[in-house]
C-alpha atoms as a PDB file:
ATOM      1  CA  MET A   1       0.107  -0.088   0.015  1.00  0.00           C
ATOM      2  CA  GLU A   2       1.212   3.418  -0.776  1.00  0.00           C
ATOM      3  CA  ILE A   3       0.487   6.696   0.718  1.00  0.00           C
ATOM      4  CA  ILE A   4       1.454  10.227   0.009  1.00  0.00           C
ATOM      5  CA  PHE A   5       1.301  13.134   2.157  1.00  0.00           C
ATOM      6  CA  TYR A   6       1.264  16.891   1.627  1.00  0.00           C
ATOM      7  CA  HIS A   7       0.661  19.736   4.125  1.00  0.00           C
ATOM      8  CA  PRO A   8       2.428  23.326   3.632  1.00  0.00           C
ATOM      9  CA  THR A   9       3.254  23.683   7.321  1.00  0.00           C
ATOM     10  CA  PHE A  10       3.049  20.224   8.908  1.00  0.00           C
ATOM     11  CA  ASN A  11       6.022  18.224  10.144  1.00  0.00           C
ATOM     12  CA  ALA A  12       6.027  15.718   6.883  1.00  0.00           C
ATOM     13  CA  ALA A  13       8.683  13.548   8.813  1.00  0.00           C
ATOM     14  CA  TRP A  14       6.863  13.013  11.854  1.00  0.00           C
ATOM     15  CA  TRP A  15       3.497  12.161   9.719  1.00  0.00           C
ATOM     16  CA  VAL A  16       5.386   9.657   7.488  1.00  0.00           C
ATOM     17  CA  ASN A  17       6.799   7.942  10.496  1.00  0.00           C
ATOM     18  CA  ALA A  18       3.776   7.988  12.441  1.00  0.00           C
ATOM     19  CA  LEU A  19       1.624   6.553   9.564  1.00  0.00           C
ATOM     20  CA  GLU A  20       4.037   3.776   9.117  1.00  0.00           C
ATOM     21  CA  LYS A  21       4.000   2.888  12.576  1.00  0.00           C
ATOM     22  CA  ALA A  22      -0.074   2.724  12.602  1.00  0.00           C
ATOM     23  CA  LEU A  23      -0.151   1.286   8.971  1.00  0.00           C
ATOM     24  CA  PRO A  24       2.902  -1.284   9.015  1.00  0.00           C
ATOM     25  CA  HIS A  25       2.160  -2.721   5.745  1.00  0.00           C
ATOM     26  CA  ALA A  26       2.153   0.847   4.111  1.00  0.00           C
ATOM     27  CA  ARG A  27       5.182   2.860   2.626  1.00  0.00           C
ATOM     28  CA  VAL A  28       4.497   6.446   3.186  1.00  0.00           C
ATOM     29  CA  ARG A  29       6.163   9.380   1.376  1.00  0.00           C
ATOM     30  CA  GLU A  30       6.070  12.833   1.233  1.00  0.00           C
ATOM     31  CA  TRP A  31       4.763  14.309  -2.170  1.00  0.00           C
ATOM     32  CA  LYS A  32       7.138  16.873  -3.747  1.00  0.00           C
ATOM     33  CA  VAL A  33       6.464  18.335  -7.276  1.00  0.00           C
ATOM     34  CA  GLY A  34       7.376  15.851  -9.892  1.00  0.00           C
ATOM     35  CA  ASP A  35       6.471  12.934  -8.063  1.00  0.00           C
ATOM     36  CA  ASN A  36       4.011  11.085 -10.158  1.00  0.00           C
ATOM     37  CA  ASN A  37       4.917   7.492  -9.040  1.00  0.00           C
ATOM     38  CA  PRO A  38       1.714   5.314  -8.004  1.00  0.00           C
ATOM     39  CA  ALA A  39      -0.089   5.936  -4.715  1.00  0.00           C
ATOM     40  CA  ASP A  40      -3.430   4.275  -3.130  1.00  0.00           C
ATOM     41  CA  TYR A  41      -4.048   7.059  -0.696  1.00  0.00           C
ATOM     42  CA  ALA A  42      -3.521  10.751  -0.404  1.00  0.00           C
ATOM     43  CA  LEU A  43      -3.380  12.818   2.946  1.00  0.00           C
ATOM     44  CA  VAL A  44      -3.655  16.453   1.947  1.00  0.00           C
ATOM     45  CA  TRP A  45      -4.064  19.948   3.070  1.00  0.00           C
ATOM     46  CA  GLN A  46      -4.268  22.581   0.299  1.00  0.00           C
ATOM     47  CA  PRO A  47      -2.646  20.164  -2.232  1.00  0.00           C
ATOM     48  CA  PRO A  48      -1.171  21.619  -5.560  1.00  0.00           C
ATOM     49  CA  VAL A  49      -3.514  20.341  -8.554  1.00  0.00           C
ATOM     50  CA  GLU A  50      -0.767  18.361 -10.081  1.00  0.00           C
ATOM     51  CA  MET A  51      -0.512  16.214  -6.856  1.00  0.00           C
ATOM     52  CA  LEU A  52      -3.698  14.552  -7.354  1.00  0.00           C
ATOM     53  CA  ALA A  53      -4.239  15.077 -10.980  1.00  0.00           C
ATOM     54  CA  GLY A  54      -4.767  11.647 -12.980  1.00  0.00           C
ATOM     55  CA  ARG A  55      -4.088   9.413 -10.009  1.00  0.00           C
ATOM     56  CA  ARG A  56      -6.245   6.373  -9.273  1.00  0.00           C
ATOM     57  CA  LEU A  57      -6.825   6.701  -5.687  1.00  0.00           C
ATOM     58  CA  LYS A  58      -8.713   4.685  -3.321  1.00  0.00           C
ATOM     59  CA  ALA A  59      -9.338   7.733  -1.155  1.00  0.00           C
ATOM     60  CA  VAL A  60      -8.072  11.144  -0.436  1.00  0.00           C
ATOM     61  CA  PHE A  61      -8.181  12.361   3.457  1.00  0.00           C
ATOM     62  CA  VAL A  62      -8.446  16.117   4.125  1.00  0.00           C
ATOM     63  CA  LEU A  63      -6.396  16.987   7.092  1.00  0.00           C
ATOM     64  CA  GLY A  64      -8.946  19.025   8.606  1.00  0.00           C
ATOM     65  CA  ALA A  65     -12.723  19.247   9.591  1.00  0.00           C
ATOM     66  CA  GLY A  66     -13.312  21.617   6.831  1.00  0.00           C
ATOM     67  CA  VAL A  67     -13.465  21.014   3.286  1.00  0.00           C
ATOM     68  CA  ASP A  68     -14.651  24.146   1.599  1.00  0.00           C
ATOM     69  CA  ALA A  69     -11.064  25.278   0.331  1.00  0.00           C
ATOM     70  CA  ILE A  70     -10.308  21.762  -1.454  1.00  0.00           C
ATOM     71  CA  LEU A  71     -14.048  21.606  -2.719  1.00  0.00           C
ATOM     72  CA  SER A  72     -13.681  25.266  -4.586  1.00  0.00           C
ATOM     73  CA  LYS A  73     -10.386  23.972  -5.945  1.00  0.00           C
ATOM     74  CA  LEU A  74     -12.145  20.746  -7.377  1.00  0.00           C
ATOM     75  CA  ASN A  75     -14.785  22.754  -8.812  1.00  0.00           C
ATOM     76  CA  ALA A  76     -12.261  25.333 -10.633  1.00  0.00           C
ATOM     77  CA  HIS A  77     -10.116  22.251 -11.568  1.00  0.00           C
ATOM     78  CA  PRO A  78     -12.209  19.180 -12.124  1.00  0.00           C
ATOM     79  CA  GLU A  79      -9.431  17.312 -13.696  1.00  0.00           C
ATOM     80  CA  MET A  80      -7.698  17.319 -10.360  1.00  0.00           C
ATOM     81  CA  LEU A  81      -9.414  14.500  -8.831  1.00  0.00           C
ATOM     82  CA  ASP A  82     -11.897  11.922 -10.381  1.00  0.00           C
ATOM     83  CA  ALA A  83     -15.467  12.371  -8.922  1.00  0.00           C
ATOM     84  CA  SER A  84     -15.768   8.640  -8.236  1.00  0.00           C
ATOM     85  CA  ILE A  85     -12.812   9.026  -5.668  1.00  0.00           C
ATOM     86  CA  PRO A  86     -14.048   9.137  -2.014  1.00  0.00           C
ATOM     87  CA  LEU A  87     -13.100  12.461  -0.204  1.00  0.00           C
ATOM     88  CA  PHE A  88     -12.705  12.060   3.728  1.00  0.00           C
ATOM     89  CA  ARG A  89     -12.630  14.798   6.305  1.00  0.00           C
ATOM     90  CA  LEU A  90     -11.272  14.645   9.779  1.00  0.00           C
ATOM     91  CA  GLU A  91     -14.217  13.514  12.143  1.00  0.00           C
ATOM     92  CA  ASP A  92     -13.631  14.954  15.481  1.00  0.00           C
ATOM     93  CA  THR A  93     -10.018  13.583  16.154  1.00  0.00           C
ATOM     94  CA  GLY A  94      -9.961  15.823  19.299  1.00  0.00           C
ATOM     95  CA  MET A  95     -11.753  19.013  17.732  1.00  0.00           C
ATOM     96  CA  GLY A  96     -15.012  17.999  19.380  1.00  0.00           C
ATOM     97  CA  LEU A  97     -13.565  18.269  22.959  1.00  0.00           C
ATOM     98  CA  GLN A  98     -11.694  21.759  21.740  1.00  0.00           C
ATOM     99  CA  MET A  99     -15.170  23.036  20.538  1.00  0.00           C
ATOM    100  CA  GLN A 100     -16.852  21.816  23.808  1.00  0.00           C
ATOM    101  CA  GLU A 101     -14.167  23.741  25.811  1.00  0.00           C
ATOM    102  CA  TYR A 102     -14.532  26.804  23.869  1.00  0.00           C
ATOM    103  CA  ALA A 103     -18.210  26.884  23.547  1.00  0.00           C
ATOM    104  CA  VAL A 104     -18.903  26.192  26.991  1.00  0.00           C
ATOM    105  CA  SER A 105     -16.558  28.621  28.729  1.00  0.00           C
ATOM    106  CA  GLN A 106     -17.576  31.411  26.254  1.00  0.00           C
ATOM    107  CA  VAL A 107     -21.464  30.857  27.038  1.00  0.00           C
ATOM    108  CA  LEU A 108     -20.553  30.688  31.085  1.00  0.00           C
ATOM    109  CA  HIS A 109     -18.627  33.904  30.267  1.00  0.00           C
ATOM    110  CA  TRP A 110     -21.564  35.687  29.088  1.00  0.00           C
ATOM    111  CA  PHE A 111     -24.059  33.921  31.529  1.00  0.00           C
ATOM    112  CA  ARG A 112     -22.151  34.902  34.298  1.00  0.00           C
ATOM    113  CA  ARG A 113     -21.625  38.530  32.865  1.00  0.00           C
ATOM    114  CA  PHE A 114     -17.733  38.438  33.360  1.00  0.00           C
ATOM    115  CA  GLY A 115     -17.414  40.928  30.580  1.00  0.00           C
ATOM    116  CA  ASP A 116     -19.709  43.412  32.461  1.00  0.00           C
ATOM    117  CA  TYR A 117     -17.801  43.158  35.403  1.00  0.00           C
ATOM    118  CA  GLN A 118     -14.517  43.750  33.620  1.00  0.00           C
ATOM    119  CA  ALA A 119     -15.738  46.634  32.371  1.00  0.00           C
ATOM    120  CA  LEU A 120     -16.821  47.933  35.954  1.00  0.00           C
ATOM    121  CA  LYS A 121     -13.472  46.924  37.266  1.00  0.00           C
ATOM    122  CA  ASN A 122     -11.847  48.904  34.592  1.00  0.00           C
ATOM    123  CA  GLN A 123     -13.969  52.068  36.200  1.00  0.00           C
ATOM    124  CA  ALA A 124     -13.078  50.941  39.898  1.00  0.00           C
ATOM    125  CA  LEU A 125     -16.819  50.586  40.143  1.00  0.00           C
ATOM    126  CA  TRP A 126     -18.181  47.992  42.842  1.00  0.00           C
ATOM    127  CA  LYS A 127     -21.578  47.030  41.794  1.00  0.00           C
ATOM    128  CA  PRO A 128     -23.352  43.639  41.859  1.00  0.00           C
ATOM    129  CA  LEU A 129     -25.386  42.991  38.578  1.00  0.00           C
ATOM    130  CA  PRO A 130     -28.778  41.310  38.292  1.00  0.00           C
ATOM    131  CA  GLU A 131     -28.054  37.711  37.391  1.00  0.00           C
ATOM    132  CA  TYR A 132     -29.428  35.907  34.473  1.00  0.00           C
ATOM    133  CA  THR A 133     -31.416  32.984  34.687  1.00  0.00           C
ATOM    134  CA  ARG A 134     -31.085  30.014  32.682  1.00  0.00           C
ATOM    135  CA  GLU A 135     -34.599  29.805  31.296  1.00  0.00           C
ATOM    136  CA  GLU A 136     -33.625  32.875  29.764  1.00  0.00           C
ATOM    137  CA  PHE A 137     -30.570  32.043  28.157  1.00  0.00           C
ATOM    138  CA  SER A 138     -31.381  29.670  25.441  1.00  0.00           C
ATOM    139  CA  VAL A 139     -28.769  28.290  23.123  1.00  0.00           C
ATOM    140  CA  GLY A 140     -29.083  27.958  19.691  1.00  0.00           C
ATOM    141  CA  ILE A 141     -26.892  25.936  17.410  1.00  0.00           C
ATOM    142  CA  MET A 142     -26.841  26.391  13.880  1.00  0.00           C
ATOM    143  CA  GLY A 143     -25.388  23.312  12.230  1.00  0.00           C
ATOM    144  CA  ALA A 144     -25.975  20.058  13.692  1.00  0.00           C
ATOM    145  CA  GLY A 145     -23.014  17.709  12.558  1.00  0.00           C
ATOM    146  CA  VAL A 146     -20.402  15.903  14.614  1.00  0.00           C
ATOM    147  CA  LEU A 147     -19.054  19.067  16.219  1.00  0.00           C
ATOM    148  CA  GLY A 148     -22.604  20.744  16.719  1.00  0.00           C
ATOM    149  CA  ALA A 149     -23.574  17.270  18.493  1.00  0.00           C
ATOM    150  CA  LYS A 150     -20.379  17.643  20.598  1.00  0.00           C
ATOM    151  CA  VAL A 151     -21.197  21.242  21.718  1.00  0.00           C
ATOM    152  CA  ALA A 152     -24.831  20.289  22.522  1.00  0.00           C
ATOM    153  CA  GLU A 153     -23.953  17.584  24.623  1.00  0.00           C
ATOM    154  CA  SER A 154     -21.516  19.763  26.845  1.00  0.00           C
ATOM    155  CA  LEU A 155     -23.866  22.264  27.243  1.00  0.00           C
ATOM    156  CA  GLN A 156     -26.613  20.056  28.635  1.00  0.00           C
ATOM    157  CA  ALA A 157     -24.468  19.406  31.748  1.00  0.00           C
ATOM    158  CA  TRP A 158     -24.912  23.250  32.632  1.00  0.00           C
ATOM    159  CA  GLY A 159     -28.775  23.227  32.234  1.00  0.00           C
ATOM    160  CA  PHE A 160     -29.161  25.855  29.641  1.00  0.00           C
ATOM    161  CA  PRO A 161     -32.167  25.347  27.108  1.00  0.00           C
ATOM    162  CA  LEU A 162     -30.905  24.101  23.935  1.00  0.00           C
ATOM    163  CA  ARG A 163     -32.044  24.140  20.168  1.00  0.00           C
ATOM    164  CA  CYS A 164     -30.470  23.017  16.833  1.00  0.00           C
ATOM    165  CA  TRP A 165     -31.107  24.266  13.162  1.00  0.00           C
ATOM    166  CA  SER A 166     -29.662  22.142  10.447  1.00  0.00           C
ATOM    167  CA  ARG A 167     -30.894  20.678   7.008  1.00  0.00           C
ATOM    168  CA  SER A 168     -32.499  17.434   8.590  1.00  0.00           C
ATOM    169  CA  ARG A 169     -34.225  16.785  11.748  1.00  0.00           C
ATOM    170  CA  LYS A 170     -32.651  15.678  14.904  1.00  0.00           C
ATOM    171  CA  SER A 171     -33.601  13.521  17.766  1.00  0.00           C
ATOM    172  CA  TRP A 172     -30.849  14.789  20.297  1.00  0.00           C
ATOM    173  CA  PRO A 173     -32.105  14.318  23.874  1.00  0.00           C
ATOM    174  CA  GLY A 174     -33.100  17.609  25.533  1.00  0.00           C
ATOM    175  CA  VAL A 175     -32.634  19.557  22.271  1.00  0.00           C
ATOM    176  CA  GLU A 176     -35.341  21.249  20.066  1.00  0.00           C
ATOM    177  CA  SER A 177     -34.784  20.760  16.380  1.00  0.00           C
ATOM    178  CA  TYR A 178     -35.731  23.275  13.722  1.00  0.00           C
ATOM    179  CA  VAL A 179     -35.299  22.410   9.901  1.00  0.00           C
ATOM    180  CA  GLY A 180     -34.858  24.744   6.829  1.00  0.00           C
ATOM    181  CA  ARG A 181     -35.319  28.031   6.142  1.00  0.00           C
ATOM    182  CA  GLU A 182     -39.254  27.634   6.776  1.00  0.00           C
ATOM    183  CA  GLU A 183     -38.309  27.100  10.665  1.00  0.00           C
ATOM    184  CA  LEU A 184     -35.210  29.350  10.807  1.00  0.00           C
ATOM    185  CA  ARG A 185     -37.514  32.292  12.576  1.00  0.00           C
ATOM    186  CA  ALA A 186     -38.894  30.069  15.226  1.00  0.00           C
ATOM    187  CA  PHE A 187     -35.503  28.761  15.943  1.00  0.00           C
ATOM    188  CA  LEU A 188     -33.965  32.463  16.195  1.00  0.00           C
ATOM    189  CA  ASN A 189     -36.632  34.075  18.252  1.00  0.00           C
ATOM    190  CA  GLN A 190     -35.974  32.112  21.268  1.00  0.00           C
ATOM    191  CA  THR A 191     -32.045  31.885  20.947  1.00  0.00           C
ATOM    192  CA  ARG A 192     -29.961  33.990  23.379  1.00  0.00           C
ATOM    193  CA  VAL A 193     -26.835  32.682  22.456  1.00  0.00           C
ATOM    194  CA  LEU A 194     -26.392  31.823  18.737  1.00  0.00           C
ATOM    195  CA  ILE A 195     -23.336  29.540  18.198  1.00  0.00           C
ATOM    196  CA  ASN A 196     -22.566  29.054  14.284  1.00  0.00           C
ATOM    197  CA  LEU A 197     -21.143  25.653  13.326  1.00  0.00           C
ATOM    198  CA  LEU A 198     -22.442  25.563   9.784  1.00  0.00           C
ATOM    199  CA  PRO A 199     -20.364  24.159   6.780  1.00  0.00           C
ATOM    200  CA  ASN A 200     -19.328  26.582   4.441  1.00  0.00           C
ATOM    201  CA  THR A 201     -21.473  26.211   1.363  1.00  0.00           C
ATOM    202  CA  ALA A 202     -23.283  28.438  -1.557  1.00  0.00           C
ATOM    203  CA  GLN A 203     -25.952  28.095   0.815  1.00  0.00           C
ATOM    204  CA  THR A 204     -24.594  29.376   4.006  1.00  0.00           C
ATOM    205  CA  VAL A 205     -22.284  32.178   3.049  1.00  0.00           C
ATOM    206  CA  GLY A 206     -23.415  35.652   4.434  1.00  0.00           C
ATOM    207  CA  ILE A 207     -26.117  33.849   6.234  1.00  0.00           C
ATOM    208  CA  ILE A 208     -25.424  35.834   9.460  1.00  0.00           C
ATOM    209  CA  ASN A 209     -26.762  39.080   8.361  1.00  0.00           C
ATOM    210  CA  SER A 210     -28.932  42.011   9.244  1.00  0.00           C
ATOM    211  CA  GLU A 211     -31.993  39.816   8.394  1.00  0.00           C
ATOM    212  CA  LEU A 212     -31.268  37.048  10.753  1.00  0.00           C
ATOM    213  CA  LEU A 213     -29.920  39.269  13.708  1.00  0.00           C
ATOM    214  CA  ASP A 214     -32.951  41.106  13.724  1.00  0.00           C
ATOM    215  CA  GLN A 215     -34.888  37.807  14.411  1.00  0.00           C
ATOM    216  CA  LEU A 216     -32.706  37.317  17.746  1.00  0.00           C
ATOM    217  CA  PRO A 217     -34.029  38.766  21.103  1.00  0.00           C
ATOM    218  CA  ASP A 218     -32.735  41.997  22.085  1.00  0.00           C
ATOM    219  CA  GLY A 219     -29.400  41.480  23.937  1.00  0.00           C
ATOM    220  CA  ALA A 220     -28.500  38.731  22.179  1.00  0.00           C
ATOM    221  CA  TYR A 221     -24.918  36.907  21.690  1.00  0.00           C
ATOM    222  CA  VAL A 222     -23.031  35.554  18.647  1.00  0.00           C
ATOM    223  CA  LEU A 223     -20.346  33.142  18.645  1.00  0.00           C
ATOM    224  CA  ASN A 224     -18.764  32.164  15.241  1.00  0.00           C
ATOM    225  CA  LEU A 225     -16.734  28.750  15.175  1.00  0.00           C
ATOM    226  CA  ALA A 226     -17.416  27.830  11.707  1.00  0.00           C
ATOM    227  CA  ARG A 227     -16.204  30.162   8.936  1.00  0.00           C
ATOM    228  CA  GLY A 228     -15.886  33.857   8.663  1.00  0.00           C
ATOM    229  CA  VAL A 229     -17.467  34.161   5.297  1.00  0.00           C
ATOM    230  CA  HIS A 230     -20.961  33.131   7.082  1.00  0.00           C
ATOM    231  CA  VAL A 231     -20.949  36.323   8.937  1.00  0.00           C
ATOM    232  CA  GLN A 232     -21.649  39.925   6.996  1.00  0.00           C
ATOM    233  CA  GLU A 233     -19.217  41.968   9.342  1.00  0.00           C
ATOM    234  CA  ALA A 234     -20.852  45.218   8.659  1.00  0.00           C
ATOM    235  CA  ASP A 235     -24.328  44.032   9.691  1.00  0.00           C
ATOM    236  CA  LEU A 236     -22.863  42.290  12.948  1.00  0.00           C
ATOM    237  CA  LEU A 237     -21.366  45.644  13.736  1.00  0.00           C
ATOM    238  CA  ALA A 238     -24.366  47.376  13.210  1.00  0.00           C
ATOM    239  CA  ALA A 239     -26.198  45.006  15.216  1.00  0.00           C
ATOM    240  CA  LEU A 240     -23.627  45.513  18.282  1.00  0.00           C
ATOM    241  CA  ASP A 241     -23.884  49.271  17.779  1.00  0.00           C
ATOM    242  CA  SER A 242     -27.555  49.472  18.140  1.00  0.00           C
ATOM    243  CA  GLY A 243     -27.783  47.427  21.266  1.00  0.00           C
ATOM    244  CA  LYS A 244     -29.811  44.435  19.176  1.00  0.00           C
ATOM    245  CA  LEU A 245     -26.616  42.347  20.240  1.00  0.00           C
ATOM    246  CA  LYS A 246     -24.795  42.562  23.488  1.00  0.00           C
ATOM    247  CA  GLY A 247     -21.664  40.609  22.579  1.00  0.00           C
ATOM    248  CA  ALA A 248     -19.940  38.770  19.854  1.00  0.00           C
ATOM    249  CA  MET A 249     -17.004  36.008  20.155  1.00  0.00           C
ATOM    250  CA  LEU A 250     -15.219  35.482  16.799  1.00  0.00           C
ATOM    251  CA  ASP A 251     -12.545  32.822  16.011  1.00  0.00           C
ATOM    252  CA  VAL A 252     -13.073  33.020  12.219  1.00  0.00           C
ATOM    253  CA  PHE A 253     -13.095  35.706   9.818  1.00  0.00           C
ATOM    254  CA  SER A 254     -13.718  36.532   6.055  1.00  0.00           C
ATOM    255  CA  GLN A 255     -10.085  37.691   5.812  1.00  0.00           C
ATOM    256  CA  GLU A 256      -7.267  36.150   7.851  1.00  0.00           C
ATOM    257  CA  PRO A 257      -5.111  37.399   9.422  1.00  0.00           C
ATOM    258  CA  LEU A 258      -7.779  40.093  10.056  1.00  0.00           C
ATOM    259  CA  PRO A 259      -6.699  43.239   8.587  1.00  0.00           C
ATOM    260  CA  GLN A 260      -5.110  45.864  10.995  1.00  0.00           C
ATOM    261  CA  GLU A 261      -7.876  48.384   9.854  1.00  0.00           C
ATOM    262  CA  SER A 262     -10.779  46.185  10.635  1.00  0.00           C
ATOM    263  CA  PRO A 263     -13.336  47.695  13.232  1.00  0.00           C
ATOM    264  CA  LEU A 264     -13.714  44.250  14.798  1.00  0.00           C
ATOM    265  CA  TRP A 265     -10.435  45.001  16.457  1.00  0.00           C
ATOM    266  CA  ARG A 266     -11.263  48.203  18.198  1.00  0.00           C
ATOM    267  CA  HIS A 267     -14.874  47.219  18.967  1.00  0.00           C
ATOM    268  CA  PRO A 268     -15.595  47.092  22.676  1.00  0.00           C
ATOM    269  CA  ARG A 269     -17.861  44.207  22.496  1.00  0.00           C
ATOM    270  CA  VAL A 270     -16.273  41.880  20.375  1.00  0.00           C
ATOM    271  CA  ALA A 271     -13.741  39.602  21.576  1.00  0.00           C
ATOM    272  CA  MET A 272     -11.696  37.169  19.135  1.00  0.00           C
ATOM    273  CA  THR A 273      -9.277  34.588  18.632  1.00  0.00           C
ATOM    274  CA  PRO A 274      -7.016  33.740  15.818  1.00  0.00           C
ATOM    275  CA  HIS A 275      -8.564  30.719  14.241  1.00  0.00           C
ATOM    276  CA  ILE A 276      -7.828  28.450  17.259  1.00  0.00           C
ATOM    277  CA  ALA A 277     -11.037  27.046  18.496  1.00  0.00           C
ATOM    278  CA  ALA A 278     -10.379  23.594  17.264  1.00  0.00           C
ATOM    279  CA  VAL A 279      -6.911  22.585  15.530  1.00  0.00           C
ATOM    280  CA  THR A 280      -5.806  19.090  13.978  1.00  0.00           C
ATOM    281  CA  ARG A 281      -4.567  17.128  16.798  1.00  0.00           C
ATOM    282  CA  PRO A 282      -1.878  15.028  15.335  1.00  0.00           C
ATOM    283  CA  ALA A 283      -1.987  11.491  17.093  1.00  0.00           C
ATOM    284  CA  GLU A 284      -5.750  11.388  17.049  1.00  0.00           C
ATOM    285  CA  ALA A 285      -5.824  12.154  13.354  1.00  0.00           C
ATOM    286  CA  ILE A 286      -3.479   9.411  12.555  1.00  0.00           C
ATOM    287  CA  ASP A 287      -5.778   6.887  14.729  1.00  0.00           C
ATOM    288  CA  TYR A 288      -8.907   7.912  12.688  1.00  0.00           C
ATOM    289  CA  ILE A 289      -7.069   7.989   8.995  1.00  0.00           C
ATOM    290  CA  SER A 290      -5.260   4.591   9.880  1.00  0.00           C
ATOM    291  CA  ARG A 291      -8.661   3.043  11.293  1.00  0.00           C
ATOM    292  CA  THR A 292     -10.463   4.124   8.297  1.00  0.00           C
ATOM    293  CA  ILE A 293      -7.992   3.044   5.616  1.00  0.00           C
ATOM    294  CA  THR A 294      -7.943  -0.336   7.369  1.00  0.00           C
ATOM    295  CA  GLN A 295     -11.794  -0.273   7.102  1.00  0.00           C
ATOM    296  CA  LEU A 296     -11.872   0.476   3.431  1.00  0.00           C
ATOM    297  CA  GLU A 297      -9.177  -2.296   2.779  1.00  0.00           C
ATOM    298  CA  LYS A 298     -11.570  -4.681   4.180  1.00  0.00           C
ATOM    299  CA  GLY A 299     -14.617  -3.316   2.883  1.00  0.00           C
ATOM    300  CA  GLU A 300     -16.062  -2.268   6.079  1.00  0.00           C
ATOM    301  CA  PRO A 301     -18.581   0.788   6.530  1.00  0.00           C
ATOM    302  CA  VAL A 302     -16.696   3.879   7.133  1.00  0.00           C
ATOM    303  CA  THR A 303     -17.640   7.529   8.532  1.00  0.00           C
ATOM    304  CA  GLY A 304     -16.412  10.809   7.662  1.00  0.00           C
ATOM    305  CA  GLN A 305     -16.846  10.695   3.642  1.00  0.00           C
ATOM    306  CA  VAL A 306     -17.762  14.090   2.037  1.00  0.00           C
ATOM    307  CA  ASP A 307     -20.942  14.541   0.212  1.00  0.00           C
ATOM    308  CA  ARG A 308     -19.419  16.906  -2.868  1.00  0.00           C
ATOM    309  CA  ALA A 309     -22.812  17.863  -3.872  1.00  0.00           C
ATOM    310  CA  ARG A 310     -23.896  19.215  -0.464  1.00  0.00           C
ATOM    311  CA  GLY A 311     -20.385  20.598   0.316  1.00  0.00           C
ATOM    312  CA  TYR A 312     -19.587  18.649   3.495  1.00  0.00           C
END
């Protein structure tokens, strides 16, 4: 079995060594320009077109949970990868726990009003504030995939009312499920904290705009953990300035790194991190990839395959 690996920043030698330990019968090599030798599987992140073009691969593994970048490249260069070749994304591989940590910590930060108390501290004001109740602090999750399920599971332990919005109905215990555009308004009207975990598709680009934000309760919060292109940043800032939104926490942006001139840097009710909410954990990724390749070789059912038509 031949496996080729390409990632512009990862330590290729470490990955090659780890994969060969996990799959003793495989020969793994870092792909370099001009390498046209046969391969059975490819592990990639932002691969050049020539790496995959013309290859008769059994499968391609994308070294991340998001596949929007490679799907966009495949649309622009259909010769890059035959449509019959399965494409897999990393399914959780430690990202679920990281998303849980991030989402729970931020929801609790808002719920306990730590930001408000920091502002009072900066003014040297000793002033206890009215507490929120859990009943009025409903959390709505847009995007009900693997990561959305993990976030909902972690928030359940804290007793917040939970709801999710997705393309298909979910039957998660303790979570109200809303489906499609026809149920979006009902989902938003009672959502105090909106967590975005949607995939990046043509249907979701710009979805968090003024029309959507207007349907949230006054004083709502937005937590974006998916993709920057989901948010119309000017509309978000307008909602913050008007008081419609009380705060926003952003891990992703339409342009990264975020330009210095962006008003998001200076807005007092915007907090941000540099796209670190959930990163690839190499050891867990190796475990998932090696297990999935073994299942494919045996003809067993697998999970994590990308539906190219849907975009995730």
